[in-house]
Amino acid sequence: MVAKRYHILIDVSGVDNAILHDEVGLDGFLKKLPGLISMSILKGPEIAVGIPENPGLSGFVLIDYSHISIHTFTNSQEALVDIFSCKSYDQEAATNAVLRYFKIGKNNSRIQIVCWE
């Protein structure tokens, strides 16, 4: 395989429901995050509202080397974040930005960083 892969999965819990329901906030964060990791937006962000039985938001943005997706779940006060790219990026900056946005410390998160070079 020629392309390298840089992937971060961040699951956070104990998030305030006001953040998990905030479409405008999620849209703004998805617009800001690519610039923080030196990526450009190709399309999006797109935000969808969950069904009544599974309330929350799903948002994604296509970036020049892949994607960022975020799913929030208000019933369990969780958010699941996926940042994938075929170009290296500052994974610590990305992780810290996600934790700041959701106002969660590392003790309330599960972070998996995968790099295939």
N, C-alpha and C. Protein backbone atom coordinates (compact mmCIF):
# COMPACT_ATOMS: atom_id res chain seq x y z
N MET A 1 0.83 -1.18 0.00
CA MET A 1 0.00 0.00 0.00
C MET A 1 0.88 1.25 0.00
N VAL A 2 0.50 2.20 -0.79
CA VAL A 2 1.27 3.43 -0.91
C VAL A 2 0.84 4.45 0.15
N ALA A 3 -0.46 4.60 0.34
CA ALA A 3 -0.96 5.64 1.25
C ALA A 3 -0.75 5.25 2.70
N LYS A 4 -0.28 6.22 3.48
CA LYS A 4 -0.18 6.04 4.92
C LYS A 4 -1.55 6.36 5.51
N ARG A 5 -1.76 5.94 6.75
CA ARG A 5 -3.05 6.19 7.38
C ARG A 5 -2.84 6.66 8.81
N TYR A 6 -3.55 7.72 9.17
CA TYR A 6 -3.48 8.30 10.50
C TYR A 6 -4.92 8.42 11.00
N HIS A 7 -5.19 7.74 12.08
CA HIS A 7 -6.58 7.58 12.52
C HIS A 7 -6.65 7.79 14.03
N ILE A 8 -7.56 8.63 14.46
CA ILE A 8 -7.82 8.81 15.89
C ILE A 8 -9.29 8.51 16.13
N LEU A 9 -9.54 7.69 17.13
CA LEU A 9 -10.90 7.44 17.60
C LEU A 9 -10.96 7.98 19.03
N ILE A 10 -11.89 8.88 19.27
CA ILE A 10 -12.03 9.48 20.60
C ILE A 10 -13.48 9.30 21.03
N ASP A 11 -13.67 8.57 22.12
CA ASP A 11 -15.00 8.40 22.72
C ASP A 11 -14.98 9.15 24.04
N VAL A 12 -15.96 10.02 24.23
CA VAL A 12 -16.04 10.78 25.48
C VAL A 12 -17.38 10.51 26.14
N SER A 13 -17.39 10.53 27.47
CA SER A 13 -18.62 10.29 28.21
C SER A 13 -18.77 11.36 29.29
N GLY A 14 -20.01 11.50 29.77
CA GLY A 14 -20.29 12.50 30.77
C GLY A 14 -20.40 13.90 30.21
N VAL A 15 -20.74 14.00 28.92
CA VAL A 15 -20.83 15.29 28.24
C VAL A 15 -22.18 15.93 28.55
N ASP A 16 -22.17 17.22 28.78
CA ASP A 16 -23.39 17.99 29.04
C ASP A 16 -24.32 17.88 27.82
N ASN A 17 -25.59 17.61 28.07
CA ASN A 17 -26.55 17.46 26.96
C ASN A 17 -26.69 18.72 26.11
N ALA A 18 -26.46 19.88 26.70
CA ALA A 18 -26.54 21.12 25.91
C ALA A 18 -25.51 21.09 24.78
N ILE A 19 -24.34 20.55 25.04
CA ILE A 19 -23.31 20.45 24.00
C ILE A 19 -23.71 19.39 22.98
N LEU A 20 -24.23 18.27 23.45
CA LEU A 20 -24.59 17.16 22.56
C LEU A 20 -25.74 17.52 21.63
N HIS A 21 -26.58 18.47 22.00
CA HIS A 21 -27.74 18.90 21.19
C HIS A 21 -27.44 20.13 20.32
N ASP A 22 -26.29 20.74 20.47
CA ASP A 22 -26.00 22.04 19.86
C ASP A 22 -25.55 21.89 18.41
N GLU A 23 -26.51 22.00 17.49
CA GLU A 23 -26.19 21.88 16.06
C GLU A 23 -25.25 22.99 15.59
N VAL A 24 -25.51 24.20 16.03
CA VAL A 24 -24.68 25.34 15.60
C VAL A 24 -23.26 25.17 16.13
N GLY A 25 -23.14 24.74 17.38
CA GLY A 25 -21.81 24.52 17.96
C GLY A 25 -21.06 23.43 17.23
N LEU A 26 -21.73 22.31 16.93
CA LEU A 26 -21.07 21.21 16.22
C LEU A 26 -20.65 21.64 14.82
N ASP A 27 -21.51 22.38 14.14
CA ASP A 27 -21.17 22.89 12.81
C ASP A 27 -19.92 23.77 12.89
N GLY A 28 -19.88 24.66 13.85
CA GLY A 28 -18.73 25.54 14.01
C GLY A 28 -17.45 24.78 14.34
N PHE A 29 -17.57 23.76 15.19
CA PHE A 29 -16.40 22.95 15.55
C PHE A 29 -15.89 22.18 14.33
N LEU A 30 -16.81 21.62 13.54
CA LEU A 30 -16.38 20.89 12.34
C LEU A 30 -15.77 21.82 11.29
N LYS A 31 -16.12 23.08 11.31
CA LYS A 31 -15.49 24.05 10.41
C LYS A 31 -14.10 24.45 10.91
N LYS A 32 -13.92 24.46 12.22
CA LYS A 32 -12.67 24.92 12.82
C LYS A 32 -11.60 23.82 12.89
N LEU A 33 -12.00 22.60 13.21
CA LEU A 33 -11.04 21.53 13.45
C LEU A 33 -10.09 21.25 12.28
N PRO A 34 -10.56 21.20 11.04
CA PRO A 34 -9.61 20.93 9.94
C PRO A 34 -8.46 21.94 9.89
N GLY A 35 -8.73 23.19 10.10
CA GLY A 35 -7.68 24.20 10.09
C GLY A 35 -6.67 24.00 11.20
N LEU A 36 -7.13 23.50 12.34
CA LEU A 36 -6.23 23.24 13.47
C LEU A 36 -5.23 22.12 13.17
N ILE A 37 -5.57 21.25 12.22
CA ILE A 37 -4.67 20.15 11.88
C ILE A 37 -4.14 20.29 10.44
N SER A 38 -4.16 21.52 9.94
CA SER A 38 -3.60 21.86 8.61
C SER A 38 -4.25 21.09 7.47
N MET A 39 -5.57 20.95 7.56
CA MET A 39 -6.34 20.32 6.49
C MET A 39 -7.33 21.35 5.94
N SER A 40 -7.82 21.09 4.75
CA SER A 40 -8.82 21.96 4.12
C SER A 40 -10.12 21.20 3.96
N ILE A 41 -11.21 21.92 4.08
CA ILE A 41 -12.54 21.32 3.91
C ILE A 41 -12.84 21.19 2.42
N LEU A 42 -13.24 20.00 2.01
CA LEU A 42 -13.70 19.78 0.64
C LEU A 42 -15.21 19.89 0.53
N LYS A 43 -15.91 19.42 1.57
CA LYS A 43 -17.37 19.46 1.58
C LYS A 43 -17.84 19.38 3.02
N GLY A 44 -18.90 20.13 3.28
CA GLY A 44 -19.50 20.08 4.61
C GLY A 44 -19.15 21.32 5.40
N PRO A 45 -19.49 21.27 6.63
CA PRO A 45 -20.03 20.14 7.39
C PRO A 45 -21.50 19.86 7.06
N GLU A 46 -21.86 18.64 7.30
CA GLU A 46 -23.24 18.19 7.23
C GLU A 46 -23.62 17.71 8.63
N ILE A 47 -24.78 18.11 9.10
CA ILE A 47 -25.26 17.72 10.42
C ILE A 47 -26.64 17.10 10.27
N ALA A 48 -26.87 15.98 10.95
CA ALA A 48 -28.18 15.34 10.96
C ALA A 48 -28.61 15.15 12.41
N VAL A 49 -29.90 15.31 12.65
CA VAL A 49 -30.48 15.12 13.99
C VAL A 49 -30.95 13.68 14.10
N GLY A 50 -30.64 13.05 15.24
CA GLY A 50 -31.04 11.67 15.48
C GLY A 50 -32.54 11.50 15.62
N ILE A 51 -32.98 10.27 15.60
CA ILE A 51 -34.40 9.95 15.75
C ILE A 51 -34.79 10.06 17.22
N PRO A 52 -36.08 10.21 17.52
CA PRO A 52 -36.50 10.37 18.92
C PRO A 52 -36.03 9.24 19.84
N GLU A 53 -35.98 8.03 19.33
CA GLU A 53 -35.54 6.90 20.15
C GLU A 53 -34.04 6.90 20.41
N ASN A 54 -33.29 7.66 19.61
CA ASN A 54 -31.83 7.72 19.72
C ASN A 54 -31.39 9.16 19.48
N PRO A 55 -31.73 10.06 20.42
CA PRO A 55 -31.46 11.49 20.18
C PRO A 55 -29.98 11.82 20.22
N GLY A 56 -29.64 12.80 19.44
CA GLY A 56 -28.27 13.28 19.35
C GLY A 56 -28.04 13.85 17.96
N LEU A 57 -26.80 14.04 17.63
CA LEU A 57 -26.43 14.61 16.33
C LEU A 57 -25.38 13.74 15.66
N SER A 58 -25.36 13.75 14.36
CA SER A 58 -24.27 13.16 13.59
C SER A 58 -23.79 14.23 12.63
N GLY A 59 -22.48 14.43 12.61
CA GLY A 59 -21.92 15.43 11.73
C GLY A 59 -20.64 14.93 11.10
N PHE A 60 -20.40 15.39 9.88
CA PHE A 60 -19.15 15.02 9.23
C PHE A 60 -18.70 16.14 8.31
N VAL A 61 -17.42 16.11 8.03
CA VAL A 61 -16.83 17.03 7.07
C VAL A 61 -15.80 16.23 6.28
N LEU A 62 -15.83 16.40 4.97
CA LEU A 62 -14.82 15.79 4.12
C LEU A 62 -13.64 16.75 4.05
N ILE A 63 -12.46 16.24 4.33
CA ILE A 63 -11.26 17.06 4.29
C ILE A 63 -10.36 16.60 3.15
N ASP A 64 -9.35 17.40 2.85
CA ASP A 64 -8.55 17.13 1.67
C ASP A 64 -7.86 15.77 1.67
N TYR A 65 -7.67 15.14 2.79
CA TYR A 65 -7.07 13.82 2.80
C TYR A 65 -7.97 12.75 3.39
N SER A 66 -9.21 13.08 3.77
CA SER A 66 -10.18 12.07 4.20
C SER A 66 -11.39 12.68 4.89
N HIS A 67 -11.58 12.43 6.22
CA HIS A 67 -12.82 12.88 6.86
C HIS A 67 -12.68 13.06 8.36
N ILE A 68 -13.66 13.77 8.92
CA ILE A 68 -13.86 13.87 10.36
C ILE A 68 -15.34 13.61 10.59
N SER A 69 -15.66 12.70 11.50
CA SER A 69 -17.07 12.47 11.83
C SER A 69 -17.26 12.50 13.34
N ILE A 70 -18.43 12.98 13.75
CA ILE A 70 -18.78 13.07 15.16
C ILE A 70 -20.22 12.63 15.32
N HIS A 71 -20.45 11.75 16.28
CA HIS A 71 -21.80 11.29 16.62
C HIS A 71 -22.02 11.53 18.11
N THR A 72 -23.13 12.20 18.45
CA THR A 72 -23.45 12.43 19.86
C THR A 72 -24.69 11.64 20.24
N PHE A 73 -24.71 11.21 21.48
CA PHE A 73 -25.82 10.40 22.00
C PHE A 73 -26.25 10.99 23.34
N THR A 74 -27.40 11.66 23.34
CA THR A 74 -27.82 12.34 24.56
C THR A 74 -28.32 11.37 25.63
N ASN A 75 -28.87 10.23 25.23
CA ASN A 75 -29.36 9.27 26.24
C ASN A 75 -28.22 8.76 27.13
N SER A 76 -27.04 8.63 26.57
CA SER A 76 -25.90 8.11 27.33
C SER A 76 -24.84 9.18 27.62
N GLN A 77 -25.10 10.43 27.19
CA GLN A 77 -24.18 11.56 27.37
C GLN A 77 -22.79 11.26 26.80
N GLU A 78 -22.77 10.71 25.59
CA GLU A 78 -21.53 10.33 24.94
C GLU A 78 -21.37 11.01 23.58
N ALA A 79 -20.14 11.09 23.15
CA ALA A 79 -19.83 11.51 21.78
C ALA A 79 -18.71 10.61 21.26
N LEU A 80 -18.80 10.28 19.99
CA LEU A 80 -17.82 9.42 19.33
C LEU A 80 -17.24 10.20 18.16
N VAL A 81 -15.93 10.34 18.15
CA VAL A 81 -15.24 11.16 17.16
C VAL A 81 -14.26 10.30 16.38
N ASP A 82 -14.22 10.49 15.07
CA ASP A 82 -13.33 9.75 14.18
C ASP A 82 -12.63 10.76 13.28
N ILE A 83 -11.31 10.82 13.38
CA ILE A 83 -10.51 11.71 12.53
C ILE A 83 -9.56 10.82 11.73
N PHE A 84 -9.78 10.76 10.42
CA PHE A 84 -9.00 9.87 9.56
C PHE A 84 -8.36 10.67 8.45
N SER A 85 -7.10 10.36 8.16
CA SER A 85 -6.40 11.05 7.08
C SER A 85 -5.30 10.17 6.51
N CYS A 86 -5.00 10.38 5.26
CA CYS A 86 -3.85 9.73 4.62
C CYS A 86 -2.63 10.65 4.67
N LYS A 87 -2.77 11.80 5.30
CA LYS A 87 -1.68 12.76 5.50
C LYS A 87 -1.47 12.90 7.00
N SER A 88 -0.23 12.94 7.43
CA SER A 88 0.02 13.08 8.86
C SER A 88 -0.50 14.44 9.34
N TYR A 89 -0.87 14.48 10.60
CA TYR A 89 -1.36 15.72 11.22
C TYR A 89 -1.03 15.67 12.70
N ASP A 90 -1.19 16.78 13.36
CA ASP A 90 -0.88 16.88 14.78
C ASP A 90 -2.00 16.20 15.57
N GLN A 91 -1.79 14.96 15.90
CA GLN A 91 -2.82 14.17 16.56
C GLN A 91 -3.08 14.66 17.99
N GLU A 92 -2.06 15.18 18.65
CA GLU A 92 -2.25 15.71 19.99
C GLU A 92 -3.12 16.97 19.95
N ALA A 93 -2.86 17.84 18.98
CA ALA A 93 -3.68 19.06 18.83
C ALA A 93 -5.13 18.69 18.53
N ALA A 94 -5.34 17.69 17.67
CA ALA A 94 -6.70 17.26 17.33
C ALA A 94 -7.40 16.70 18.56
N THR A 95 -6.72 15.84 19.30
CA THR A 95 -7.30 15.25 20.50
C THR A 95 -7.65 16.33 21.53
N ASN A 96 -6.73 17.24 21.77
CA ASN A 96 -6.98 18.30 22.74
C ASN A 96 -8.14 19.19 22.33
N ALA A 97 -8.26 19.47 21.03
CA ALA A 97 -9.38 20.29 20.55
C ALA A 97 -10.71 19.59 20.79
N VAL A 98 -10.77 18.29 20.57
CA VAL A 98 -12.00 17.53 20.81
C VAL A 98 -12.35 17.55 22.30
N LEU A 99 -11.37 17.30 23.15
CA LEU A 99 -11.64 17.29 24.59
C LEU A 99 -12.09 18.67 25.07
N ARG A 100 -11.48 19.73 24.54
CA ARG A 100 -11.90 21.09 24.90
C ARG A 100 -13.34 21.36 24.43
N TYR A 101 -13.65 20.98 23.20
CA TYR A 101 -14.99 21.24 22.68
C TYR A 101 -16.05 20.57 23.55
N PHE A 102 -15.82 19.33 23.91
CA PHE A 102 -16.82 18.61 24.70
C PHE A 102 -16.68 18.85 26.21
N LYS A 103 -15.68 19.67 26.59
CA LYS A 103 -15.44 20.03 28.00
C LYS A 103 -15.26 18.78 28.86
N ILE A 104 -14.40 17.89 28.37
CA ILE A 104 -14.14 16.61 29.01
C ILE A 104 -12.63 16.42 29.17
N GLY A 105 -12.23 15.85 30.29
CA GLY A 105 -10.82 15.52 30.51
C GLY A 105 -10.51 14.14 29.97
N LYS A 106 -9.23 13.82 29.93
CA LYS A 106 -8.82 12.51 29.42
C LYS A 106 -9.35 11.36 30.29
N ASN A 107 -9.65 11.65 31.56
CA ASN A 107 -10.17 10.60 32.43
C ASN A 107 -11.59 10.16 32.05
N ASN A 108 -12.31 10.98 31.29
CA ASN A 108 -13.65 10.63 30.81
C ASN A 108 -13.64 10.33 29.32
N SER A 109 -12.51 9.86 28.83
CA SER A 109 -12.40 9.59 27.40
C SER A 109 -11.63 8.30 27.16
N ARG A 110 -11.88 7.78 25.99
CA ARG A 110 -11.13 6.62 25.50
C ARG A 110 -10.56 7.05 24.15
N ILE A 111 -9.25 7.01 24.04
CA ILE A 111 -8.58 7.53 22.85
C ILE A 111 -7.73 6.43 22.24
N GLN A 112 -7.94 6.20 20.96
CA GLN A 112 -7.13 5.21 20.25
C GLN A 112 -6.50 5.91 19.04
N ILE A 113 -5.20 5.85 18.97
CA ILE A 113 -4.47 6.46 17.86
C ILE A 113 -3.83 5.33 17.06
N VAL A 114 -4.11 5.32 15.76
CA VAL A 114 -3.56 4.30 14.87
C VAL A 114 -2.81 4.99 13.75
N CYS A 115 -1.58 4.57 13.53
CA CYS A 115 -0.78 5.10 12.41
C CYS A 115 -0.25 3.92 11.62
N TRP A 116 -0.62 3.84 10.36
CA TRP A 116 -0.08 2.82 9.46
C TRP A 116 0.80 3.54 8.47
N GLU A 117 2.08 3.27 8.54
CA GLU A 117 3.00 3.93 7.61
C GLU A 117 3.65 2.92 6.71
